[in-house]
Amino acid sequence: MNRPWIAEHPVDAEVARARIRAHVPGVPARVVEPLGAGWDNSAFLVDGRWVVRFPRRASAVALLETESRVLPHLAARLPLAVPEPAFVVPAAGAEGPFAGYPLIAGRTACVAALSEEQRRAAAPTLGRFLRVLHDSAVDDLDLPGDTLGRLRLDGRRHELEERLAVLVGRGVLESPAPWIEAFDALGPDGAGPGPETVVHGDLYARHLVVDDRGRIRGVIDWGDVHRGDPAVDLMVAFGFLPAAARDGFFEAYGPVDPATRRAARRRALFHAVAVAWYAAENDDPALAAEGRRSLDHVLERGPVPDDPGTA
């Protein structure tokens, strides 16, 4: 579907203010500040209490619609705060859709630059959160499947190599060899999809909200929520957490079979490279530091992939 407003009507703070005032009478939008821009959305902090997100590309529209429909059903079940849509304004004419949520107080974990000890303390919280999410009744939520093939990585090895080459060229890494060797050792792709659960779809430091002591308080950006393999979310145990924290994570989450662990770790490696590459290309120091830390985490010995008794 042609969505000209994506390219022809970029949203800045003034455009956001005008559209909020026009469509959401209960929000005065006196102060509108850029909060961040990701691959899919531009976000603004409005009057210090609302986060309002506008899709940046046509493909992000369906993601906004899905999370706006699903999050009200998940919010009451989950042990951490998630964005609960207060208003959803559909596309109209030359204007695209947008949605607003009460602000979850805190900072993203990448901005907070959590220490290894803070991550270790957070591991059981993350494990319990994912256990509840993955136990949610998937058939009740009308979710799409994994249309991106997030665990189908054999055909994307060239992409991994290209991004690692950029990181070497920028001086982030000395050599791509350790990550390519680890990626190959953890493959190939599994023979088929694992059990389908409700998955967040993009769970990493930028989507974790922490308080001033580094404790996780919320999980944001649910545009990638879908019906899929739990390994997609379990990558957080291998990218965000250091090896020493994984016992606490898996004790809280519960048993995970060797194939799922292997797939999660391989996904974490691919994702860490993508995050470090994206941060380098977009001059994002906080995300670059998080990406570099995740690159180290995925190479730590941690669990031996074929040993279900280790973490």
Protein backbone atom coordinates (compact mmCIF):
# COMPACT_ATOMS: atom_id res chain seq x y z
CA MET A 1 0.00 0.00 0.00
CA ASN A 2 1.32 3.47 -0.89
CA ARG A 3 1.88 5.53 2.24
CA PRO A 4 3.25 8.89 0.98
CA TRP A 5 3.15 10.51 4.40
CA ILE A 6 6.10 8.39 5.53
CA ALA A 7 8.54 9.99 3.09
CA GLU A 8 6.83 13.32 2.40
CA HIS A 9 5.72 14.34 5.88
CA PRO A 10 8.53 13.62 8.36
CA VAL A 11 7.55 14.19 11.96
CA ASP A 12 9.52 16.64 14.06
CA ALA A 13 8.54 18.18 17.40
CA GLU A 14 6.40 20.92 15.80
CA VAL A 15 4.55 18.49 13.55
CA ALA A 16 4.04 16.15 16.52
CA ARG A 17 2.64 19.00 18.62
CA ALA A 18 0.20 20.06 15.91
CA ARG A 19 -1.07 16.56 15.29
CA ILE A 20 -1.47 15.72 18.98
CA ARG A 21 -3.41 18.94 19.58
CA ALA A 22 -5.61 18.27 16.57
CA HIS A 23 -6.50 14.68 17.44
CA VAL A 24 -6.08 14.22 21.24
CA PRO A 25 -8.01 16.95 23.07
CA GLY A 26 -7.02 15.71 26.51
CA VAL A 27 -3.29 16.22 25.87
CA PRO A 28 -2.31 19.91 25.63
CA ALA A 29 1.14 19.15 24.16
CA ARG A 30 2.67 22.30 25.62
CA VAL A 31 6.15 20.76 25.72
CA VAL A 32 7.14 18.26 23.04
CA GLU A 33 10.71 16.95 23.15
CA PRO A 34 12.41 14.37 20.91
CA LEU A 35 12.91 11.20 22.92
CA GLY A 36 14.57 8.99 20.33
CA ALA A 37 14.38 7.66 16.80
CA GLY A 38 14.81 3.99 16.00
CA TRP A 39 14.51 1.98 12.84
CA ASP A 40 10.70 1.97 12.93
CA ASN A 41 9.48 4.95 14.97
CA SER A 42 10.20 8.47 16.14
CA ALA A 43 9.28 9.01 19.78
CA PHE A 44 8.54 12.24 21.65
CA LEU A 45 8.14 13.05 25.34
CA VAL A 46 5.00 15.15 25.67
CA ASP A 47 4.34 17.35 28.70
CA GLY A 48 6.72 15.20 30.72
CA ARG A 49 4.20 12.39 31.05
CA TRP A 50 3.38 10.89 27.64
CA VAL A 51 5.48 9.00 25.13
CA VAL A 52 4.04 9.46 21.64
CA ARG A 53 5.35 7.36 18.75
CA PHE A 54 5.06 8.00 15.02
CA PRO A 55 6.04 5.36 12.43
CA ARG A 56 9.04 6.29 10.28
CA ARG A 57 8.32 3.81 7.50
CA ALA A 58 5.32 2.10 6.00
CA SER A 59 6.27 -1.33 7.37
CA ALA A 60 6.14 0.07 10.91
CA VAL A 61 2.44 0.89 10.70
CA ALA A 62 1.35 -2.73 11.14
CA LEU A 63 3.78 -3.04 14.06
CA LEU A 64 2.22 -0.06 15.81
CA GLU A 65 -1.25 -1.48 15.21
CA THR A 66 -0.28 -4.90 16.58
CA GLU A 67 1.33 -3.64 19.78
CA SER A 68 -1.56 -1.24 20.39
CA ARG A 69 -3.98 -4.16 20.18
CA VAL A 70 -1.91 -6.65 22.20
CA LEU A 71 -0.40 -4.62 25.03
CA PRO A 72 -3.65 -3.98 26.94
CA HIS A 73 -4.09 -7.76 27.21
CA LEU A 74 -0.52 -8.37 28.38
CA ALA A 75 -0.07 -5.46 30.79
CA ALA A 76 -2.10 -6.93 33.66
CA ARG A 77 -0.31 -10.28 33.44
CA LEU A 78 3.33 -9.22 33.30
CA PRO A 79 5.55 -8.59 36.35
CA LEU A 80 7.20 -5.51 34.78
CA ALA A 81 5.61 -2.35 33.43
CA VAL A 82 4.86 -2.22 29.71
CA PRO A 83 3.44 0.65 27.64
CA GLU A 84 -0.35 0.75 27.83
CA PRO A 85 -1.84 2.70 24.90
CA ALA A 86 -3.85 5.69 26.12
CA PHE A 87 -4.73 6.84 22.61
CA VAL A 88 -4.25 5.47 19.11
CA VAL A 89 -4.90 7.80 16.19
CA PRO A 90 -5.31 6.10 12.79
CA ALA A 91 -3.91 7.37 9.51
CA ALA A 92 -6.02 10.01 7.79
CA GLY A 93 -5.31 11.49 4.39
CA ALA A 94 -1.74 12.71 4.23
CA GLU A 95 -1.17 12.02 7.93
CA GLY A 96 0.08 8.74 9.32
CA PRO A 97 -1.05 7.04 12.52
CA PHE A 98 0.44 7.56 15.97
CA ALA A 99 -0.04 6.27 19.49
CA GLY A 100 0.57 7.59 23.00
CA TYR A 101 1.42 5.87 26.27
CA PRO A 102 2.00 7.03 29.85
CA LEU A 103 5.73 7.42 30.45
CA ILE A 104 7.45 4.55 32.27
CA ALA A 105 9.84 6.38 34.57
CA GLY A 106 13.53 5.58 34.27
CA ARG A 107 16.23 5.28 31.64
CA THR A 108 16.94 2.66 29.05
CA ALA A 109 19.55 0.17 30.15
CA CYS A 110 21.96 1.21 27.40
CA VAL A 111 21.85 4.86 28.53
CA ALA A 112 22.29 3.73 32.14
CA ALA A 113 25.38 1.73 31.11
CA LEU A 114 24.74 -1.00 33.68
CA SER A 115 27.72 -2.67 35.29
CA GLU A 116 28.22 -6.43 35.11
CA GLU A 117 27.12 -6.71 38.74
CA GLN A 118 23.92 -4.77 38.06
CA ARG A 119 23.20 -7.09 35.15
CA ARG A 120 23.78 -10.10 37.34
CA ALA A 121 21.31 -8.70 39.88
CA ALA A 122 18.78 -8.10 37.08
CA ALA A 123 19.02 -11.64 35.68
CA PRO A 124 16.31 -13.29 37.84
CA THR A 125 13.93 -10.39 37.12
CA LEU A 126 14.40 -10.88 33.39
CA GLY A 127 14.00 -14.64 33.71
CA ARG A 128 10.73 -14.35 35.62
CA PHE A 129 9.39 -11.76 33.20
CA LEU A 130 10.06 -13.95 30.17
CA ARG A 131 8.62 -17.01 31.89
CA VAL A 132 5.29 -15.21 32.38
CA LEU A 133 5.35 -13.75 28.87
CA HIS A 134 6.11 -17.09 27.23
CA ASP A 135 3.39 -18.79 29.30
CA SER A 136 0.76 -16.32 28.08
CA ALA A 137 -2.06 -17.83 26.05
CA VAL A 138 -0.85 -17.23 22.51
CA ASP A 139 -4.17 -18.18 20.90
CA ASP A 140 -5.97 -15.34 22.70
CA LEU A 141 -3.94 -12.53 21.12
CA ASP A 142 -4.34 -12.77 17.32
CA LEU A 143 -0.60 -12.41 16.75
CA PRO A 144 1.29 -12.56 13.46
CA GLY A 145 3.96 -15.21 13.03
CA ASP A 146 7.67 -14.56 12.64
CA THR A 147 7.62 -13.11 9.15
CA LEU A 148 11.26 -12.01 9.42
CA GLY A 149 12.77 -15.43 10.13
CA ARG A 150 14.69 -14.14 13.12
CA LEU A 151 16.36 -17.51 13.74
CA ARG A 152 16.94 -18.31 10.05
CA LEU A 153 20.47 -16.94 9.90
CA ASP A 154 22.39 -19.27 7.57
CA GLY A 155 21.48 -17.14 4.56
CA ARG A 156 22.56 -13.95 6.34
CA ARG A 157 26.18 -14.87 7.01
CA HIS A 158 27.30 -12.40 4.31
CA GLU A 159 25.42 -9.66 6.17
CA LEU A 160 27.24 -10.59 9.37
CA GLU A 161 30.59 -10.45 7.55
CA GLU A 162 29.81 -7.06 5.98
CA ARG A 163 28.83 -5.52 9.31
CA LEU A 164 31.86 -6.95 11.08
CA ALA A 165 34.04 -5.48 8.31
CA VAL A 166 32.53 -2.05 9.03
CA LEU A 167 33.28 -2.46 12.74
CA VAL A 168 36.88 -3.42 11.96
CA GLY A 169 37.21 -0.47 9.58
CA ARG A 170 35.96 1.91 12.28
CA GLY A 171 38.36 0.49 14.86
CA VAL A 172 35.65 -1.06 17.04
CA LEU A 173 37.11 -4.55 16.54
CA GLU A 174 40.56 -5.75 15.60
CA SER A 175 39.37 -8.79 13.69
CA PRO A 176 36.02 -10.34 12.73
CA ALA A 177 37.34 -13.88 13.19
CA PRO A 178 36.12 -14.67 16.76
CA TRP A 179 32.51 -13.77 15.93
CA ILE A 180 32.46 -15.54 12.57
CA GLU A 181 33.95 -18.66 14.13
CA ALA A 182 31.44 -18.59 16.99
CA PHE A 183 28.53 -18.01 14.58
CA ASP A 184 29.57 -21.02 12.49
CA ALA A 185 30.14 -23.19 15.56
CA LEU A 186 26.63 -22.46 16.86
CA GLY A 187 24.96 -23.27 13.52
CA PRO A 188 23.42 -24.38 11.33
CA ASP A 189 19.85 -23.17 11.54
CA GLY A 190 17.52 -25.58 13.31
CA ALA A 191 15.56 -28.13 11.34
CA GLY A 192 12.27 -26.38 12.05
CA PRO A 193 10.52 -23.88 14.31
CA GLY A 194 10.45 -24.54 18.03
CA PRO A 195 7.34 -24.33 20.19
CA GLU A 196 5.38 -21.14 19.51
CA THR A 197 4.90 -18.68 22.34
CA VAL A 198 4.20 -14.97 22.75
CA VAL A 199 7.58 -13.29 22.16
CA HIS A 200 8.62 -9.65 22.49
CA GLY A 201 10.77 -10.06 19.40
CA ASP A 202 13.51 -7.47 20.03
CA LEU A 203 14.53 -7.75 23.66
CA TYR A 204 17.79 -5.97 24.39
CA ALA A 205 19.17 -3.09 26.46
CA ARG A 206 17.48 -0.27 24.53
CA HIS A 207 14.08 -1.78 25.30
CA LEU A 208 14.66 -2.29 29.03
CA VAL A 209 13.82 0.59 31.40
CA VAL A 210 15.78 0.75 34.65
CA ASP A 211 15.60 2.93 37.75
CA ASP A 212 18.46 4.96 39.23
CA ARG A 213 19.86 1.82 40.88
CA GLY A 214 19.87 -0.16 37.66
CA ARG A 215 16.87 -2.32 38.55
CA ILE A 216 14.65 -3.26 35.63
CA ARG A 217 11.24 -1.62 35.89
CA GLY A 218 9.78 -1.92 32.41
CA VAL A 219 9.99 -3.35 28.91
CA ILE A 220 9.19 -1.06 25.98
CA ASP A 221 8.90 -1.08 22.18
CA TRP A 222 6.63 -4.03 21.45
CA GLY A 223 6.35 -3.49 17.72
CA ASP A 224 7.96 -6.87 17.03
CA VAL A 225 5.64 -8.86 19.32
CA HIS A 226 4.60 -12.04 17.54
CA ARG A 227 3.86 -15.74 17.79
CA GLY A 228 7.27 -17.37 17.61
CA ASP A 229 10.14 -19.35 19.06
CA PRO A 230 11.12 -18.41 22.64
CA ALA A 231 14.79 -18.46 21.57
CA VAL A 232 14.18 -15.07 19.94
CA ASP A 233 13.70 -13.52 23.40
CA LEU A 234 16.16 -15.77 25.22
CA MET A 235 18.96 -14.08 23.29
CA VAL A 236 18.87 -11.50 26.10
CA ALA A 237 20.58 -14.06 28.36
CA PHE A 238 23.59 -14.16 26.04
CA GLY A 239 23.86 -10.59 24.80
CA PHE A 240 22.66 -8.40 27.67
CA LEU A 241 23.86 -10.67 30.48
CA PRO A 242 27.44 -11.73 31.22
CA ALA A 243 28.15 -15.44 31.61
CA ALA A 244 28.19 -15.17 35.42
CA ALA A 245 24.57 -13.97 35.40
CA ARG A 246 23.08 -16.80 33.36
CA ASP A 247 22.59 -19.24 36.24
CA GLY A 248 20.28 -16.75 37.92
CA PHE A 249 18.41 -16.09 34.70
CA PHE A 250 17.72 -19.73 33.83
CA GLU A 251 16.90 -20.67 37.41
CA ALA A 252 14.14 -18.06 37.29
CA TYR A 253 13.03 -18.87 33.74
CA GLY A 254 13.07 -22.66 33.98
CA PRO A 255 14.48 -25.50 31.87
CA VAL A 256 15.53 -24.77 28.29
CA ASP A 257 16.60 -27.50 25.88
CA PRO A 258 20.07 -27.41 24.26
CA ALA A 259 18.81 -26.59 20.77
CA THR A 260 16.90 -23.56 22.03
CA ARG A 261 19.92 -22.33 23.98
CA ARG A 262 22.10 -22.67 20.93
CA ALA A 263 19.62 -20.82 18.74
CA ALA A 264 19.28 -18.05 21.34
CA ARG A 265 23.02 -17.59 21.59
CA ARG A 266 23.44 -17.51 17.82
CA ARG A 267 20.66 -14.95 17.56
CA ALA A 268 22.35 -12.90 20.31
CA LEU A 269 25.63 -12.90 18.39
CA PHE A 270 23.98 -11.77 15.15
CA HIS A 271 21.97 -9.13 17.02
CA ALA A 272 25.02 -7.80 18.92
CA VAL A 273 26.86 -7.27 15.64
CA ALA A 274 23.81 -5.54 14.17
CA VAL A 275 23.48 -3.22 17.18
CA ALA A 276 27.18 -2.29 17.21
CA TRP A 277 27.08 -1.69 13.45
CA TYR A 278 23.89 0.43 13.65
CA ALA A 279 25.34 2.50 16.50
CA ALA A 280 28.58 3.11 14.62
CA GLU A 281 26.74 4.13 11.44
CA ASN A 282 24.41 6.48 13.35
CA ASP A 283 26.90 7.96 15.84
CA ASP A 284 25.10 6.69 18.96
CA PRO A 285 27.72 6.45 21.75
CA ALA A 286 25.45 4.83 24.37
CA LEU A 287 24.24 2.16 21.98
CA ALA A 288 27.77 1.67 20.64
CA ALA A 289 29.05 0.94 24.15
CA GLU A 290 26.20 -1.50 24.75
CA GLY A 291 26.83 -3.20 21.42
CA ARG A 292 30.51 -3.60 22.22
CA ARG A 293 29.70 -5.08 25.61
CA SER A 294 27.24 -7.50 24.02
CA LEU A 295 29.89 -8.57 21.51
CA ASP A 296 32.06 -9.56 24.47
CA HIS A 297 29.21 -11.32 26.26
CA VAL A 298 28.36 -13.60 23.35
CA LEU A 299 31.95 -14.83 23.19
CA GLU A 300 32.20 -15.64 26.90
CA ARG A 301 32.11 -19.36 27.52
CA GLY A 302 28.90 -19.30 29.56
CA PRO A 303 26.88 -22.40 28.77
CA VAL A 304 28.28 -25.08 26.54
CA PRO A 305 25.49 -25.25 23.92
CA ASP A 306 25.14 -29.03 24.09
CA ASP A 307 25.01 -29.19 27.90
CA PRO A 308 21.52 -28.42 29.29
CA GLY A 309 22.86 -28.44 32.83
CA THR A 310 24.95 -25.31 32.46
CA ALA A 311 24.02 -21.68 32.15
